């Protein structure tokens, strides 16, 4: 996943239904080097239907269309 990708939110949250479409705006944080902690990425996305920004874990996003 990278900035500019079109993604689908695979997890419902307050005010945001499952399968909402969004554009990836930025990678906020990545954790890959700590022993005993499962790796994760936090992405800032712009939700197309809601018209606002939100942060999600990478595991809660599915890439629909990749930017080049």
N, C-alpha and C. Protein backbone atom coordinates (compact mmCIF):
# COMPACT_ATOMS: atom_id res chain seq x y z
N UNK A 1 0.85 -1.17 0.00
CA UNK A 1 0.00 0.00 0.00
C UNK A 1 0.90 1.24 0.00
N UNK A 2 0.46 2.27 -0.73
CA UNK A 2 1.22 3.52 -0.79
C UNK A 2 0.28 4.70 -0.95
N UNK A 3 0.82 5.89 -0.77
CA UNK A 3 0.03 7.12 -0.90
C UNK A 3 -0.57 7.19 -2.30
N UNK A 4 -1.85 7.53 -2.38
CA UNK A 4 -2.55 7.64 -3.65
C UNK A 4 -3.39 6.43 -4.02
N UNK A 5 -3.26 5.34 -3.28
CA UNK A 5 -4.05 4.14 -3.57
C UNK A 5 -5.51 4.33 -3.17
N UNK A 6 -6.40 3.73 -3.94
CA UNK A 6 -7.82 3.66 -3.59
C UNK A 6 -7.99 2.40 -2.75
N UNK A 7 -8.58 2.53 -1.57
CA UNK A 7 -8.73 1.40 -0.66
C UNK A 7 -10.17 1.25 -0.19
N UNK A 8 -10.47 0.07 0.32
CA UNK A 8 -11.78 -0.22 0.92
C UNK A 8 -11.53 -0.49 2.41
N UNK A 9 -12.35 0.11 3.25
CA UNK A 9 -12.26 -0.10 4.69
C UNK A 9 -12.97 -1.42 5.00
N UNK A 10 -12.25 -2.36 5.60
CA UNK A 10 -12.81 -3.69 5.85
C UNK A 10 -13.37 -3.85 7.25
N UNK A 11 -13.36 -2.78 8.03
CA UNK A 11 -13.83 -2.83 9.41
C UNK A 11 -14.75 -1.64 9.68
N UNK A 12 -15.96 -1.90 10.12
CA UNK A 12 -16.90 -0.82 10.43
C UNK A 12 -16.46 -0.10 11.71
N UNK A 13 -16.72 1.20 11.76
CA UNK A 13 -16.46 1.99 12.97
C UNK A 13 -17.57 3.03 13.09
N UNK A 14 -17.58 3.78 14.15
CA UNK A 14 -18.65 4.75 14.39
C UNK A 14 -18.69 5.76 13.25
N UNK A 15 -19.82 5.83 12.56
CA UNK A 15 -20.02 6.77 11.47
C UNK A 15 -19.44 6.35 10.13
N UNK A 16 -18.70 5.25 10.10
CA UNK A 16 -18.07 4.78 8.86
C UNK A 16 -18.46 3.31 8.64
N UNK A 17 -19.31 3.03 7.65
CA UNK A 17 -19.71 1.64 7.42
C UNK A 17 -18.58 0.81 6.79
N UNK A 18 -18.67 -0.48 6.99
CA UNK A 18 -17.74 -1.42 6.35
C UNK A 18 -17.86 -1.26 4.84
N UNK A 19 -16.78 -1.46 4.13
CA UNK A 19 -16.68 -1.38 2.67
C UNK A 19 -16.75 0.05 2.13
N UNK A 20 -16.50 1.06 2.97
CA UNK A 20 -16.41 2.44 2.50
C UNK A 20 -15.14 2.60 1.67
N UNK A 21 -15.18 3.47 0.67
CA UNK A 21 -14.02 3.73 -0.18
C UNK A 21 -13.26 4.94 0.35
N UNK A 22 -11.93 4.90 0.18
CA UNK A 22 -11.08 5.97 0.68
C UNK A 22 -9.81 6.07 -0.17
N UNK A 23 -9.16 7.23 -0.10
CA UNK A 23 -7.86 7.44 -0.73
C UNK A 23 -6.80 7.55 0.35
N UNK A 24 -5.68 6.86 0.16
CA UNK A 24 -4.58 6.90 1.12
C UNK A 24 -3.86 8.24 0.97
N UNK A 25 -3.76 9.00 2.08
CA UNK A 25 -3.09 10.30 2.06
C UNK A 25 -1.67 10.25 2.60
N UNK A 26 -1.44 9.46 3.66
CA UNK A 26 -0.11 9.43 4.27
C UNK A 26 0.06 8.19 5.13
N UNK A 27 1.31 7.78 5.26
CA UNK A 27 1.66 6.73 6.20
C UNK A 27 2.11 7.44 7.48
N UNK A 28 1.39 7.22 8.56
CA UNK A 28 1.65 7.95 9.80
C UNK A 28 2.72 7.28 10.64
N UNK A 29 2.64 5.97 10.76
CA UNK A 29 3.56 5.27 11.65
C UNK A 29 3.73 3.83 11.20
N UNK A 30 4.91 3.30 11.48
CA UNK A 30 5.19 1.91 11.17
C UNK A 30 5.98 1.33 12.33
N UNK A 31 5.63 0.13 12.76
CA UNK A 31 6.32 -0.54 13.85
C UNK A 31 6.75 -1.91 13.36
N UNK A 32 8.03 -2.08 13.16
CA UNK A 32 8.51 -3.38 12.67
C UNK A 32 9.70 -3.92 13.44
N UNK A 33 10.27 -3.16 14.37
CA UNK A 33 11.54 -3.56 14.97
C UNK A 33 11.48 -3.97 16.44
N UNK A 34 10.31 -3.95 17.05
CA UNK A 34 10.24 -4.26 18.47
C UNK A 34 9.97 -5.74 18.69
N UNK A 35 10.77 -6.35 19.54
CA UNK A 35 10.61 -7.77 19.84
C UNK A 35 9.32 -8.00 20.62
N UNK A 36 8.58 -9.02 20.23
CA UNK A 36 7.36 -9.37 20.94
C UNK A 36 6.14 -8.56 20.57
N UNK A 37 6.28 -7.59 19.66
CA UNK A 37 5.16 -6.76 19.25
C UNK A 37 4.84 -7.07 17.78
N UNK A 38 3.58 -7.33 17.50
CA UNK A 38 3.18 -7.63 16.13
C UNK A 38 3.33 -6.39 15.25
N UNK A 39 3.94 -6.51 14.06
CA UNK A 39 4.14 -5.35 13.19
C UNK A 39 2.82 -4.73 12.75
N UNK A 40 2.81 -3.40 12.62
CA UNK A 40 1.61 -2.71 12.16
C UNK A 40 1.99 -1.42 11.45
N UNK A 41 1.07 -0.91 10.65
CA UNK A 41 1.22 0.37 9.97
C UNK A 41 -0.05 1.17 10.23
N UNK A 42 0.10 2.48 10.42
CA UNK A 42 -1.06 3.35 10.58
C UNK A 42 -1.10 4.27 9.36
N UNK A 43 -2.25 4.31 8.68
CA UNK A 43 -2.43 5.10 7.47
C UNK A 43 -3.50 6.16 7.67
N UNK A 44 -3.26 7.34 7.15
CA UNK A 44 -4.28 8.38 7.13
C UNK A 44 -4.97 8.32 5.78
N UNK A 45 -6.30 8.22 5.80
CA UNK A 45 -7.06 8.11 4.56
C UNK A 45 -8.13 9.18 4.50
N UNK A 46 -8.55 9.53 3.29
CA UNK A 46 -9.66 10.46 3.07
C UNK A 46 -10.85 9.62 2.63
N UNK A 47 -11.90 9.60 3.45
CA UNK A 47 -13.09 8.81 3.16
C UNK A 47 -13.96 9.56 2.15
N UNK A 48 -14.20 8.94 1.01
CA UNK A 48 -14.90 9.60 -0.08
C UNK A 48 -16.36 9.90 0.24
N UNK A 49 -17.07 8.96 0.84
CA UNK A 49 -18.49 9.16 1.11
C UNK A 49 -18.72 10.09 2.29
N UNK A 50 -17.86 10.03 3.29
CA UNK A 50 -18.03 10.86 4.49
C UNK A 50 -17.41 12.24 4.32
N UNK A 51 -16.42 12.36 3.42
CA UNK A 51 -15.77 13.63 3.18
C UNK A 51 -14.87 14.08 4.31
N UNK A 52 -14.23 13.13 5.01
CA UNK A 52 -13.34 13.50 6.11
C UNK A 52 -12.17 12.53 6.20
N UNK A 53 -11.18 12.91 7.00
CA UNK A 53 -9.99 12.09 7.17
C UNK A 53 -10.14 11.20 8.40
N UNK A 54 -9.45 10.06 8.33
CA UNK A 54 -9.46 9.13 9.45
C UNK A 54 -8.20 8.30 9.40
N UNK A 55 -7.77 7.76 10.52
CA UNK A 55 -6.60 6.89 10.56
C UNK A 55 -7.02 5.45 10.78
N UNK A 56 -6.36 4.53 10.05
CA UNK A 56 -6.67 3.11 10.15
C UNK A 56 -5.39 2.30 10.18
N UNK A 57 -5.46 1.14 10.80
CA UNK A 57 -4.37 0.17 10.70
C UNK A 57 -4.37 -0.42 9.30
N UNK A 58 -3.20 -0.76 8.80
CA UNK A 58 -3.09 -1.33 7.47
C UNK A 58 -3.91 -2.59 7.30
N UNK A 59 -4.06 -3.38 8.37
CA UNK A 59 -4.83 -4.63 8.26
C UNK A 59 -6.33 -4.38 8.07
N UNK A 60 -6.79 -3.15 8.31
CA UNK A 60 -8.21 -2.81 8.15
C UNK A 60 -8.50 -2.17 6.80
N UNK A 61 -7.51 -2.14 5.90
CA UNK A 61 -7.67 -1.55 4.57
C UNK A 61 -7.33 -2.58 3.50
N UNK A 62 -8.11 -2.58 2.42
CA UNK A 62 -7.87 -3.47 1.29
C UNK A 62 -7.66 -2.60 0.05
N UNK A 63 -6.54 -2.81 -0.65
CA UNK A 63 -6.23 -2.03 -1.84
C UNK A 63 -7.17 -2.42 -2.98
N UNK A 64 -7.82 -1.41 -3.58
CA UNK A 64 -8.71 -1.62 -4.72
C UNK A 64 -7.97 -1.30 -6.02
N UNK A 65 -7.29 -0.16 -6.02
CA UNK A 65 -6.56 0.29 -7.20
C UNK A 65 -5.27 0.97 -6.75
N UNK A 66 -4.14 0.51 -7.28
CA UNK A 66 -2.85 1.05 -6.89
C UNK A 66 -2.47 2.24 -7.76
N UNK A 67 -1.85 3.25 -7.14
CA UNK A 67 -1.32 4.38 -7.92
C UNK A 67 0.02 3.97 -8.51
N UNK A 68 0.43 4.64 -9.52
CA UNK A 68 1.71 4.27 -10.18
C UNK A 68 2.80 5.22 -9.85
